[in-house]
Amino acid sequence: MESHIVIDPAVCNGRPVVRGTRITVQTVMEFLAAGDSVDDILESYPALNRDQVLACMEWASRLMVNHFQIAALA
């Protein structure tokens, strides 16, 4: 996964992107959340390959392993 996803402050304001592109992990995940398939994404973004799309999914999944707590702000 680390070979496919990079974070560079000079690219897309430091958002995680697919290496060698300006396609963010967020963009890929939004397409999937909207019901698009991996094949749909590959058709829309011919610069991507299947392994890169799967790396986006894995990256997002690993992010959710972190513990989050919602706190009320005064």
Protein backbone atom coordinates (compact mmCIF):
# COMPACT_ATOMS: atom_id res chain seq x y z
CA MET A 1 0.00 0.00 0.00
CA GLU A 2 2.76 2.47 0.92
CA SER A 3 4.17 2.15 -2.58
CA HIS A 4 0.86 3.34 -4.06
CA ILE A 5 -0.30 6.07 -1.66
CA VAL A 6 1.82 9.12 -0.84
CA ILE A 7 1.41 12.32 1.14
CA ASP A 8 3.36 15.31 -0.12
CA PRO A 9 2.64 18.82 1.16
CA ALA A 10 3.30 20.16 -2.35
CA VAL A 11 0.63 17.94 -3.96
CA CYS A 12 -3.10 18.50 -3.37
CA ASN A 13 -2.45 20.38 -0.11
CA GLY A 14 -0.90 17.31 1.49
CA ARG A 15 -3.87 15.02 0.99
CA PRO A 16 -3.06 11.36 0.37
CA VAL A 17 -2.88 10.71 -3.37
CA VAL A 18 -2.10 7.82 -5.67
CA ARG A 19 1.64 8.00 -6.39
CA GLY A 20 2.43 9.78 -9.65
CA THR A 21 -1.05 11.31 -9.91
CA ARG A 22 -3.09 14.07 -8.35
CA ILE A 23 -5.96 11.65 -7.72
CA THR A 24 -6.76 11.67 -4.02
CA VAL A 25 -7.74 8.69 -1.93
CA GLN A 26 -10.82 10.72 -1.01
CA THR A 27 -11.87 10.94 -4.66
CA VAL A 28 -11.59 7.19 -5.14
CA MET A 29 -13.50 6.51 -1.93
CA GLU A 30 -16.26 8.96 -2.87
CA PHE A 31 -16.78 7.15 -6.16
CA LEU A 32 -17.02 3.83 -4.32
CA ALA A 33 -19.40 5.32 -1.74
CA ALA A 34 -21.60 6.57 -4.57
CA GLY A 35 -21.96 3.01 -5.81
CA ASP A 36 -19.36 2.96 -8.56
CA SER A 37 -17.40 -0.26 -8.98
CA VAL A 38 -13.64 -0.58 -9.21
CA ASP A 39 -14.09 -1.12 -12.95
CA ASP A 40 -16.12 2.12 -13.18
CA ILE A 41 -13.29 4.02 -11.50
CA LEU A 42 -10.72 2.47 -13.81
CA GLU A 43 -12.79 3.54 -16.78
CA SER A 44 -13.12 7.10 -15.45
CA TYR A 45 -9.45 7.33 -14.47
CA PRO A 46 -7.38 5.38 -17.02
CA ALA A 47 -4.19 6.52 -15.25
CA LEU A 48 -5.12 4.21 -12.33
CA ASN A 49 -4.79 0.46 -12.12
CA ARG A 50 -6.68 -2.02 -9.97
CA ASP A 51 -3.91 -2.31 -7.36
CA GLN A 52 -3.93 1.45 -6.85
CA VAL A 53 -7.70 1.54 -6.31
CA LEU A 54 -7.42 -1.34 -3.85
CA ALA A 55 -4.60 0.50 -2.07
CA CYS A 56 -6.93 3.48 -1.62
CA MET A 57 -9.49 1.20 -0.02
CA GLU A 58 -6.86 -0.34 2.27
CA TRP A 59 -5.50 3.08 3.25
CA ALA A 60 -8.98 4.31 4.19
CA SER A 61 -9.66 1.12 6.11
CA ARG A 62 -6.43 1.43 8.10
CA LEU A 63 -7.27 5.05 8.90
CA MET A 64 -10.48 3.87 10.58
CA VAL A 65 -8.49 1.65 12.96
CA ASN A 66 -7.61 4.79 14.89
CA HIS A 67 -9.80 5.49 17.88
CA PHE A 68 -12.01 8.51 17.55
CA GLN A 69 -14.03 10.17 20.28
CA ILE A 70 -16.72 12.74 19.77
CA ALA A 71 -16.59 15.44 22.40
CA ALA A 72 -18.96 18.32 22.95
CA LEU A 73 -17.33 21.71 22.62
CA ALA A 74 -18.30 24.46 25.03
